[in-house]
């Protein structure tokens, strides 16, 4: 493409951005054993007051500038670890014990890649910069993937990125949350009688807690609930509760400091490749939705994130044929009354998947695309579809010889996205020589782009190591696709 340009701006992870996490001696992440917290606490209690003071004088100057509230975090770790030990200690001694039970974790220390960008809620005119929020997959010790955030502006072809905060935090309120449509669908799939359940769901809001549902099931009078909830129904509810949660960061926190850390068991080893899109469906109050891959160490699952403000998030497990494997990406609006998404449930081809409720993806149509030389191993998407007057613009990725990842593009019909209007025969982006080396060599990959003032802005990770931006005139790309 004649108008394709790569930015000189290159982003990479900052190993100085560290979390202060709980450390349990004997129960390290990869080598599980028996906790040695009692022994460590006992040794700390045996120190003299002078030794405690001297130890803190050595420790605090090294770490106080690396975290917003290191003392509070040390005390939190002390109370979490010693609540069962009935330990009595002075303020300073508690601080020291908490320090021994803490560790720093460099969330971006190993890799920093696979970005996705969405516009901020305000509307930018054609002659004004477009503010955006970018999510990044960050990888640290033990290959644990987290989701971090950056902000910036698009001004013509210029990309400006706000400096990252030196601080990061996972501090947030976490709670179990259920949705009416998910509970109903799960019960139906499990073959449970949903007659009484539907009566109760009709009395509850769309989002509710396990306690709300259990209370309603057991307290509804005989005119509504004919029998007590079955063991099967209770098991279904408990299973859903283990995989759905909400995260609420403090209002005083900054978006660039927030880190989405694995919470559900199905994602305990990582939250990977978030694909965010801004929804335009007036029937749903959720402004932003994303898919991401949960990894538990052996298996992957497709999960969803929902948020209005990037402060409070809901996370849930997606079900159905279309949500198998990796790489689901939501369309930003319903199509002919149904939710739609790009899928790669078979691990190698692109599909359009359909859903009645946005959570259960029960149908998929394979896209009729001719594989090119650079995508013979598999093809997939590089983020949610983008609406243009000519059709849905889809950035794709393909794997070719020597497991090289390249990016391409295709155009789908606006009213029936299972129809392919056009597809590039040659890659839109391939790793150049300065992009071939990194955490995973020979890869260019994106999880979401946007159009502003006729320019397509593509953030992409290269070799799972650093992030760059490419820009391209949309009209030129569409001309090649149509």
Protein backbone atom coordinates (compact mmCIF):
# COMPACT_ATOMS: atom_id res chain seq x y z
CA UNK A 1 0.00 0.00 0.00
CA UNK A 2 1.45 3.33 -1.08
CA UNK A 3 0.06 5.28 1.87
CA UNK A 4 1.03 2.77 4.57
CA UNK A 5 3.39 4.30 7.09
CA UNK A 6 4.97 2.89 10.23
CA UNK A 7 5.52 5.19 13.18
CA UNK A 8 8.89 5.96 14.62
CA UNK A 9 7.21 5.70 18.02
CA UNK A 10 7.87 2.29 19.58
CA UNK A 11 6.51 1.25 22.98
CA UNK A 12 7.92 -1.42 25.22
CA UNK A 13 7.28 -2.76 28.69
CA UNK A 14 8.77 -0.99 31.66
CA UNK A 15 10.29 -3.39 34.23
CA UNK A 16 10.14 -0.58 36.81
CA UNK A 17 6.33 -0.78 36.90
CA UNK A 18 5.91 -3.35 39.65
CA UNK A 19 3.08 -4.69 41.76
CA UNK A 20 3.46 -5.38 45.45
CA UNK A 21 2.00 -8.85 45.83
CA UNK A 22 1.52 -11.27 48.69
CA UNK A 23 4.43 -13.68 49.13
CA UNK A 24 3.85 -16.98 50.94
CA UNK A 25 7.15 -18.76 51.62
CA UNK A 26 6.79 -22.43 50.70
CA UNK A 27 3.92 -21.76 48.26
CA UNK A 28 5.74 -20.17 45.38
CA UNK A 29 3.85 -19.88 42.09
CA UNK A 30 5.45 -22.78 40.23
CA UNK A 31 6.73 -24.89 43.13
CA UNK A 32 3.87 -25.57 45.50
CA UNK A 33 4.63 -26.74 49.02
CA UNK A 34 3.54 -26.11 52.57
CA UNK A 35 3.29 -22.54 53.82
CA UNK A 36 6.11 -21.43 56.13
CA UNK A 37 4.39 -18.24 57.28
CA UNK A 38 4.27 -19.31 60.98
CA UNK A 39 8.03 -19.84 61.05
CA UNK A 40 8.75 -16.50 59.38
CA UNK A 41 6.42 -14.65 61.75
CA UNK A 42 7.95 -16.38 64.75
CA UNK A 43 11.44 -15.26 63.72
CA UNK A 44 10.24 -11.69 63.22
CA UNK A 45 8.61 -11.67 66.65
CA UNK A 46 11.90 -12.79 68.16
CA UNK A 47 13.74 -9.69 66.87
CA UNK A 48 14.47 -6.91 69.30
CA UNK A 49 12.82 -3.51 68.88
CA UNK A 50 16.15 -2.05 67.77
CA UNK A 51 16.56 -4.75 65.12
CA UNK A 52 13.05 -4.05 63.82
CA UNK A 53 13.77 -0.33 63.57
CA UNK A 54 17.09 -0.92 61.83
CA UNK A 55 15.56 -3.36 59.35
CA UNK A 56 12.82 -0.91 58.40
CA UNK A 57 15.40 1.84 57.98
CA UNK A 58 17.14 -0.34 55.39
CA UNK A 59 13.98 -1.49 53.57
CA UNK A 60 11.69 1.52 53.29
CA UNK A 61 13.97 3.91 51.33
CA UNK A 62 14.41 1.22 48.67
CA UNK A 63 10.71 0.63 48.01
CA UNK A 64 8.64 3.58 49.18
CA UNK A 65 9.05 5.46 45.88
CA UNK A 66 8.07 2.42 43.77
CA UNK A 67 4.51 2.19 45.13
CA UNK A 68 1.82 4.69 46.06
CA UNK A 69 1.09 3.19 49.46
CA UNK A 70 3.71 0.59 50.33
CA UNK A 71 3.10 0.81 54.08
CA UNK A 72 -0.60 0.10 53.65
CA UNK A 73 0.21 -2.87 51.42
CA UNK A 74 2.69 -4.28 53.91
CA UNK A 75 0.05 -4.01 56.63
CA UNK A 76 -2.56 -5.67 54.44
CA UNK A 77 -0.23 -8.61 53.83
CA UNK A 78 0.52 -8.83 57.54
CA UNK A 79 -3.16 -9.01 58.48
CA UNK A 80 -4.02 -11.49 55.71
CA UNK A 81 -1.20 -13.81 56.69
CA UNK A 82 -1.49 -13.62 60.46
CA UNK A 83 -5.25 -13.49 61.03
CA UNK A 84 -5.20 -17.18 61.95
CA UNK A 85 -2.10 -16.88 64.11
CA UNK A 86 -3.52 -14.46 66.68
CA UNK A 87 -0.28 -12.50 66.50
CA UNK A 88 0.13 -9.36 68.62
CA UNK A 89 2.78 -6.94 67.41
CA UNK A 90 3.59 -3.23 67.39
CA UNK A 91 2.94 -1.07 64.34
CA UNK A 92 6.58 -1.20 63.25
CA UNK A 93 6.82 -4.95 63.74
CA UNK A 94 3.64 -5.49 61.72
CA UNK A 95 5.17 -3.39 58.97
CA UNK A 96 8.32 -5.51 58.96
CA UNK A 97 6.42 -8.81 58.99
CA UNK A 98 4.33 -7.54 56.09
CA UNK A 99 7.51 -6.70 54.18
CA UNK A 100 8.79 -10.26 54.65
CA UNK A 101 5.47 -11.52 53.27
CA UNK A 102 5.56 -9.29 50.18
CA UNK A 103 7.19 -9.49 46.78
CA UNK A 104 7.42 -7.25 43.74
CA UNK A 105 6.14 -8.47 40.39
CA UNK A 106 7.18 -6.73 37.15
CA UNK A 107 3.99 -7.07 35.11
CA UNK A 108 5.70 -5.95 31.88
CA UNK A 109 9.10 -7.47 32.57
CA UNK A 110 8.93 -10.30 30.00
CA UNK A 111 6.75 -9.06 27.13
CA UNK A 112 4.48 -6.21 26.02
CA UNK A 113 2.32 -6.73 22.95
CA UNK A 114 -1.04 -7.35 21.21
CA UNK A 115 -2.66 -3.92 21.66
CA UNK A 116 -6.28 -2.92 21.06
CA UNK A 117 -7.58 0.66 20.88
CA UNK A 118 -11.03 2.22 21.23
CA UNK A 119 -12.12 5.87 21.20
CA UNK A 120 -12.99 7.65 24.40
CA UNK A 121 -16.70 8.48 24.84
CA UNK A 122 -16.38 12.07 23.63
CA UNK A 123 -16.88 12.64 19.92
CA UNK A 124 -13.91 14.06 18.06
CA UNK A 125 -14.50 16.26 15.01
CA UNK A 126 -12.51 15.69 11.81
CA UNK A 127 -10.11 18.50 12.65
CA UNK A 128 -9.56 17.59 16.29
CA UNK A 129 -7.38 14.91 17.90
CA UNK A 130 -9.12 11.66 18.77
CA UNK A 131 -8.44 10.55 22.30
CA UNK A 132 -8.14 6.79 22.64
CA UNK A 133 -7.62 4.12 25.25
CA UNK A 134 -5.30 1.24 24.44
CA UNK A 135 -5.18 -2.12 26.16
CA UNK A 136 -1.97 -4.13 26.13
CA UNK A 137 -1.14 -7.72 27.02
CA UNK A 138 1.70 -7.58 29.52
CA UNK A 139 3.66 -10.67 30.59
CA UNK A 140 5.76 -11.07 33.70
CA UNK A 141 7.48 -13.77 35.74
CA UNK A 142 6.05 -17.25 35.18
CA UNK A 143 4.49 -16.18 31.86
CA UNK A 144 1.42 -14.74 33.58
CA UNK A 145 -0.46 -12.42 31.23
CA UNK A 146 -2.32 -9.38 32.52
CA UNK A 147 -4.19 -6.52 30.84
CA UNK A 148 -2.82 -2.99 31.26
CA UNK A 149 -3.98 0.35 29.86
CA UNK A 150 -2.44 3.30 28.01
CA UNK A 151 -4.01 6.52 26.75
CA UNK A 152 -3.16 8.81 23.85
CA UNK A 153 -4.36 10.91 20.92
CA UNK A 154 -4.54 10.63 17.15
CA UNK A 155 -3.85 13.89 15.33
CA UNK A 156 -3.85 13.28 11.59
CA UNK A 157 -1.20 10.61 11.19
CA UNK A 158 0.54 11.62 14.38
CA UNK A 159 0.23 9.32 17.40
CA UNK A 160 0.79 10.77 20.85
CA UNK A 161 1.02 8.47 23.85
CA UNK A 162 0.63 9.76 27.38
CA UNK A 163 3.56 8.91 29.65
CA UNK A 164 2.82 5.76 31.68
CA UNK A 165 2.30 6.11 35.39
CA UNK A 166 5.25 4.80 37.41
CA UNK A 167 2.74 2.97 39.61
CA UNK A 168 0.50 -0.04 38.95
CA UNK A 169 -2.11 -1.66 41.13
CA UNK A 170 -4.56 -4.55 41.22
CA UNK A 171 -6.32 -3.06 44.25
CA UNK A 172 -10.04 -3.38 43.55
CA UNK A 173 -13.24 -4.76 44.99
CA UNK A 174 -13.97 -8.19 43.53
CA UNK A 175 -17.39 -9.84 43.74
CA UNK A 176 -19.35 -12.63 42.12
CA UNK A 177 -21.98 -11.49 39.66
CA UNK A 178 -24.62 -13.35 37.65
CA UNK A 179 -26.64 -12.31 34.61
CA UNK A 180 -30.17 -13.49 33.98
CA UNK A 181 -29.51 -14.62 30.41
CA UNK A 182 -26.40 -16.58 31.38
CA UNK A 183 -28.11 -18.44 34.23
CA UNK A 184 -31.07 -19.32 32.05
CA UNK A 185 -28.88 -20.55 29.18
CA UNK A 186 -26.63 -22.61 31.47
CA UNK A 187 -29.64 -24.26 33.10
CA UNK A 188 -31.12 -25.15 29.71
CA UNK A 189 -27.84 -26.63 28.48
CA UNK A 190 -27.59 -28.71 31.67
CA UNK A 191 -31.08 -30.12 31.07
CA UNK A 192 -32.48 -28.59 34.27
CA UNK A 193 -36.17 -27.70 34.50
CA UNK A 194 -36.24 -23.93 34.03
CA UNK A 195 -39.94 -23.35 34.75
CA UNK A 196 -39.52 -22.20 38.34
CA UNK A 197 -36.15 -20.59 37.55
CA UNK A 198 -37.76 -18.36 34.91
CA UNK A 199 -40.31 -17.14 37.44
CA UNK A 200 -37.54 -16.11 39.82
CA UNK A 201 -35.40 -14.51 37.09
CA UNK A 202 -38.38 -12.38 36.13
CA UNK A 203 -38.33 -10.87 39.62
CA UNK A 204 -34.61 -10.08 39.64
CA UNK A 205 -32.66 -7.38 37.81
CA UNK A 206 -30.42 -8.35 34.89
CA UNK A 207 -27.36 -8.47 37.19
CA UNK A 208 -27.55 -10.02 40.66
CA UNK A 209 -25.51 -11.94 43.20
CA UNK A 210 -25.59 -15.63 44.04
CA UNK A 211 -27.13 -14.73 47.37
CA UNK A 212 -29.94 -12.81 45.63
CA UNK A 213 -30.79 -15.77 43.42
CA UNK A 214 -30.54 -18.38 46.15
CA UNK A 215 -32.73 -16.32 48.46
CA UNK A 216 -35.35 -15.82 45.75
CA UNK A 217 -35.39 -19.53 44.88
CA UNK A 218 -35.91 -20.63 48.47
CA UNK A 219 -38.29 -17.89 49.63
CA UNK A 220 -40.71 -17.58 46.74
CA UNK A 221 -44.18 -18.61 47.95
CA UNK A 222 -46.04 -21.65 46.73
CA UNK A 223 -47.91 -19.58 44.16
CA UNK A 224 -44.68 -19.04 42.28
CA UNK A 225 -42.23 -21.82 43.08
CA UNK A 226 -43.76 -25.27 43.10
CA UNK A 227 -40.78 -27.12 44.52
CA UNK A 228 -37.52 -26.43 46.27
CA UNK A 229 -34.61 -25.81 43.87
CA UNK A 230 -33.12 -29.07 42.68
CA UNK A 231 -29.58 -30.11 43.45
CA UNK A 232 -28.86 -29.94 39.71
CA UNK A 233 -30.03 -26.33 39.52
CA UNK A 234 -27.98 -25.35 42.58
CA UNK A 235 -24.92 -27.02 41.03
CA UNK A 236 -25.43 -25.07 37.78
CA UNK A 237 -25.69 -21.80 39.68
CA UNK A 238 -22.58 -22.51 41.73
CA UNK A 239 -20.63 -23.42 38.58
CA UNK A 240 -21.57 -20.12 36.93
CA UNK A 241 -20.73 -18.21 40.11
CA UNK A 242 -17.18 -19.61 40.06
CA UNK A 243 -16.53 -18.20 36.59
CA UNK A 244 -18.26 -14.79 36.66
CA UNK A 245 -17.05 -11.79 38.63
CA UNK A 246 -16.92 -8.01 38.83
CA UNK A 247 -13.91 -5.80 39.48
CA UNK A 248 -14.40 -2.28 40.80
CA UNK A 249 -11.29 -0.10 41.00
CA UNK A 250 -11.30 2.90 43.38
CA UNK A 251 -12.66 6.11 41.86
CA UNK A 252 -9.43 7.83 42.83
CA UNK A 253 -7.31 5.43 40.77
CA UNK A 254 -5.95 6.42 37.37
CA UNK A 255 -6.74 4.26 34.35
CA UNK A 256 -3.05 3.87 33.48
CA UNK A 257 -2.36 2.35 36.91
CA UNK A 258 -5.10 -0.27 36.80
CA UNK A 259 -4.10 -3.86 36.10
CA UNK A 260 -6.57 -6.64 35.34
CA UNK A 261 -5.09 -9.61 37.14
CA UNK A 262 -6.38 -13.21 36.74
CA UNK A 263 -9.26 -13.91 39.13
CA UNK A 264 -11.28 -16.90 37.89
CA UNK A 265 -9.77 -20.39 37.96
CA UNK A 266 -10.06 -20.67 34.18
CA UNK A 267 -7.66 -17.72 33.77
CA UNK A 268 -5.29 -18.26 36.67
CA UNK A 269 -2.27 -18.41 34.36
CA UNK A 270 -3.25 -15.47 32.22
CA UNK A 271 -5.70 -13.01 30.66
CA UNK A 272 -4.63 -12.81 27.02
CA UNK A 273 -5.33 -10.65 23.95
CA UNK A 274 -8.28 -8.44 24.89
CA UNK A 275 -10.21 -7.28 21.81
CA UNK A 276 -12.22 -4.21 22.82
CA UNK A 277 -14.95 -2.54 20.79
CA UNK A 278 -17.28 0.37 21.56
CA UNK A 279 -20.87 -0.84 21.29
CA UNK A 280 -23.52 1.17 19.45
CA UNK A 281 -26.56 -0.92 20.37
CA UNK A 282 -29.12 1.26 22.14
CA UNK A 283 -30.73 -1.76 23.81
CA UNK A 284 -27.68 -2.43 25.96
CA UNK A 285 -26.28 0.02 28.48
CA UNK A 286 -22.79 -1.47 28.23
CA UNK A 287 -20.59 0.90 26.26
CA UNK A 288 -17.50 -1.28 25.76
CA UNK A 289 -17.25 -5.03 25.31
CA UNK A 290 -14.23 -7.22 24.76
CA UNK A 291 -13.33 -10.83 24.37
CA UNK A 292 -10.16 -12.30 25.82
CA UNK A 293 -8.55 -15.68 26.32
CA UNK A 294 -8.40 -17.19 29.78
CA UNK A 295 -5.56 -19.66 30.33
CA UNK A 296 -5.34 -21.97 33.35
CA UNK A 297 -2.01 -23.54 32.47
CA UNK A 298 -3.32 -26.33 30.26
CA UNK A 299 -6.53 -25.15 28.59
CA UNK A 300 -7.90 -21.95 27.06
CA UNK A 301 -11.42 -20.55 27.35
CA UNK A 302 -13.11 -17.59 25.67
CA UNK A 303 -14.24 -14.91 28.13
CA UNK A 304 -15.83 -11.47 27.90
CA UNK A 305 -15.23 -8.14 29.60
CA UNK A 306 -17.84 -5.38 29.85
CA UNK A 307 -17.36 -1.83 31.12
CA UNK A 308 -18.76 1.67 30.80
CA UNK A 309 -15.80 3.57 32.18
CA UNK A 310 -12.73 1.26 32.35
CA UNK A 311 -12.96 1.45 36.13
CA UNK A 312 -15.65 -1.17 36.85
CA UNK A 313 -15.52 -4.39 34.82
CA UNK A 314 -17.68 -7.50 34.54
CA UNK A 315 -15.99 -10.73 33.43
CA UNK A 316 -17.76 -13.88 32.32
CA UNK A 317 -17.28 -17.18 30.49
CA UNK A 318 -18.72 -17.34 26.97
CA UNK A 319 -20.34 -20.56 25.78
CA UNK A 320 -21.37 -22.28 22.57
CA UNK A 321 -19.67 -23.56 19.43
CA UNK A 322 -18.55 -20.14 18.21
CA UNK A 323 -16.83 -19.32 21.51
CA UNK A 324 -14.52 -22.32 21.45
CA UNK A 325 -10.78 -21.78 21.11
CA UNK A 326 -9.20 -18.31 20.78
CA UNK A 327 -9.91 -15.25 18.71
CA UNK A 328 -13.58 -14.28 19.11
CA UNK A 329 -14.16 -10.59 18.24
CA UNK A 330 -17.48 -8.77 18.67
CA UNK A 331 -19.16 -6.65 16.01
CA UNK A 332 -19.97 -3.21 17.51
CA UNK A 333 -23.72 -3.56 16.95
CA UNK A 334 -26.44 -6.12 16.32
CA UNK A 335 -26.99 -7.25 12.76
CA UNK A 336 -30.59 -8.01 11.83
CA UNK A 337 -31.49 -8.33 15.50
CA UNK A 338 -28.69 -10.70 16.51
CA UNK A 339 -25.29 -10.29 18.09
CA UNK A 340 -22.46 -11.15 15.72
CA UNK A 341 -18.78 -11.96 16.16
CA UNK A 342 -15.78 -13.16 14.23
CA UNK A 343 -14.75 -16.63 15.37
CA UNK A 344 -11.95 -19.14 14.86
CA UNK A 345 -13.44 -21.98 16.86
CA UNK A 346 -11.72 -24.70 14.81
CA UNK A 347 -8.30 -23.12 15.34
CA UNK A 348 -7.55 -22.44 11.68
CA UNK A 349 -10.37 -20.70 9.77
CA UNK A 350 -12.55 -17.59 10.05
CA UNK A 351 -16.27 -17.78 10.81
CA UNK A 352 -19.13 -15.44 11.56
CA UNK A 353 -20.76 -16.56 14.79
CA UNK A 354 -24.25 -15.55 15.93
CA UNK A 355 -25.85 -15.14 19.35
CA UNK A 356 -29.28 -14.17 20.63
CA UNK A 357 -28.01 -12.81 23.94
CA UNK A 358 -24.33 -11.94 23.36
CA UNK A 359 -23.05 -14.71 25.67
CA UNK A 360 -23.98 -18.03 24.06
CA UNK A 361 -22.63 -18.34 20.49
CA UNK A 362 -24.61 -21.25 19.11
CA UNK A 363 -24.10 -20.88 15.36
CA UNK A 364 -21.20 -20.17 13.02
CA UNK A 365 -20.90 -19.65 9.24
CA UNK A 366 -17.52 -20.23 7.66
CA UNK A 367 -16.25 -17.35 5.55
CA UNK A 368 -15.50 -18.33 1.97
CA UNK A 369 -11.96 -17.04 1.62
CA UNK A 370 -9.14 -18.30 -0.55
CA UNK A 371 -6.01 -18.96 1.49
CA UNK A 372 -2.90 -17.17 0.33
CA UNK A 373 0.70 -18.33 0.65
CA UNK A 374 1.26 -16.36 3.85
CA UNK A 375 -1.74 -17.84 5.73
CA UNK A 376 -1.75 -21.52 4.82
CA UNK A 377 -1.22 -22.68 8.42
CA UNK A 378 -4.17 -20.75 9.83
CA UNK A 379 -6.03 -17.45 9.57
CA UNK A 380 -7.80 -15.33 12.17
CA UNK A 381 -8.83 -11.79 12.97
CA UNK A 382 -6.76 -8.89 14.27
CA UNK A 383 -9.58 -7.28 16.23
CA UNK A 384 -13.26 -6.36 15.93
CA UNK A 385 -14.74 -5.38 12.55
CA UNK A 386 -14.83 -1.67 11.68
CA UNK A 387 -17.82 -0.25 9.82
CA UNK A 388 -17.18 1.65 6.58
CA UNK A 389 -19.58 2.73 3.81
CA UNK A 390 -18.23 -0.09 1.64
CA UNK A 391 -18.68 -2.82 4.25
CA UNK A 392 -17.24 -4.26 7.45
CA UNK A 393 -13.46 -3.85 7.37
CA UNK A 394 -11.73 -6.79 9.06
CA UNK A 395 -8.01 -6.86 9.72
CA UNK A 396 -6.78 -10.44 9.67
CA UNK A 397 -3.69 -12.38 10.59
CA UNK A 398 -2.24 -15.44 8.94
CA UNK A 399 0.57 -17.86 9.68
CA UNK A 400 2.90 -18.97 6.95
CA UNK A 401 6.37 -20.49 6.48
CA UNK A 402 8.68 -20.56 9.54
CA UNK A 403 5.60 -19.63 11.62
CA UNK A 404 5.73 -16.05 10.42
CA UNK A 405 2.64 -14.03 11.40
CA UNK A 406 1.50 -11.42 8.85
CA UNK A 407 -1.52 -9.13 8.79
CA UNK A 408 -4.04 -8.81 5.98
CA UNK A 409 -7.51 -7.35 5.40
CA UNK A 410 -10.92 -8.34 4.06
CA UNK A 411 -14.26 -6.63 3.52
CA UNK A 412 -17.62 -8.13 4.53
CA UNK A 413 -21.15 -7.19 3.53
CA UNK A 414 -22.78 -4.76 5.98
CA UNK A 415 -26.13 -6.58 6.14
CA UNK A 416 -24.80 -10.12 5.81
CA UNK A 417 -21.20 -10.32 7.07
CA UNK A 418 -20.99 -13.98 6.09
CA UNK A 419 -20.56 -12.67 2.52
CA UNK A 420 -16.98 -11.71 1.63
CA UNK A 421 -16.74 -8.71 -0.72
CA UNK A 422 -12.98 -8.70 -1.08
CA UNK A 423 -9.71 -9.80 0.43
CA UNK A 424 -6.08 -8.75 0.02
CA UNK A 425 -3.93 -11.30 -1.77
CA UNK A 426 -0.72 -9.95 -0.26
CA UNK A 427 -0.04 -9.09 3.39
CA UNK A 428 -0.81 -5.62 4.61
CA UNK A 429 1.95 -5.90 7.21
CA UNK A 430 4.84 -8.33 7.64
CA UNK A 431 7.68 -8.21 10.17
CA UNK A 432 10.54 -6.14 8.82
CA UNK A 433 14.12 -6.82 9.84
CA UNK A 434 13.98 -4.72 13.00
CA UNK A 435 10.74 -6.43 14.05
CA UNK A 436 11.77 -10.08 13.68
CA UNK A 437 13.50 -10.60 17.02
CA UNK A 438 11.84 -10.72 20.42
CA UNK A 439 9.93 -12.89 22.87
CA UNK A 440 8.27 -14.77 19.96
CA UNK A 441 10.15 -14.08 16.69
CA UNK A 442 8.63 -13.23 13.30
CA UNK A 443 5.25 -11.96 14.50
CA UNK A 444 3.13 -8.87 13.82
CA UNK A 445 -0.28 -8.93 15.50
CA UNK A 446 -3.02 -6.55 16.57
CA UNK A 447 -6.17 -6.90 18.65
CA UNK A 448 -8.03 -3.82 17.45
CA UNK A 449 -7.74 -0.65 15.34
CA UNK A 450 -9.84 2.43 14.62
CA UNK A 451 -10.53 4.97 11.87
CA UNK A 452 -10.26 8.72 12.40
CA UNK A 453 -10.60 11.38 9.72
CA UNK A 454 -10.12 8.89 6.89
CA UNK A 455 -7.01 7.31 8.41
CA UNK A 456 -6.87 3.72 9.66
CA UNK A 457 -4.69 3.54 12.77
CA UNK A 458 -3.31 0.07 13.51
CA UNK A 459 -1.44 -0.53 16.76
CA UNK A 460 0.44 -3.79 16.52
CA UNK A 461 2.84 -5.83 18.55
CA UNK A 462 5.93 -7.23 16.93
CA UNK A 463 7.62 -10.42 18.03
CA UNK A 464 5.57 -10.25 21.26
CA UNK A 465 8.12 -7.76 22.48
CA UNK A 466 7.27 -4.18 21.55
CA UNK A 467 4.42 -2.13 20.06
CA UNK A 468 4.33 0.10 17.01
CA UNK A 469 1.67 1.96 15.00
CA UNK A 470 0.89 1.79 11.28
CA UNK A 471 -1.37 4.28 9.47
CA UNK A 472 -3.07 3.96 6.13
CA UNK A 473 -5.60 5.91 4.08
CA UNK A 474 -8.88 4.04 4.31
CA UNK A 475 -9.92 4.89 0.74
CA UNK A 476 -6.81 3.24 -0.67
CA UNK A 477 -7.39 0.09 1.35
CA UNK A 478 -11.05 -0.10 0.36
CA UNK A 479 -10.15 0.42 -3.30
CA UNK A 480 -7.88 -2.62 -3.12
CA UNK A 481 -10.61 -4.65 -1.41
CA UNK A 482 -13.46 -3.78 -3.78
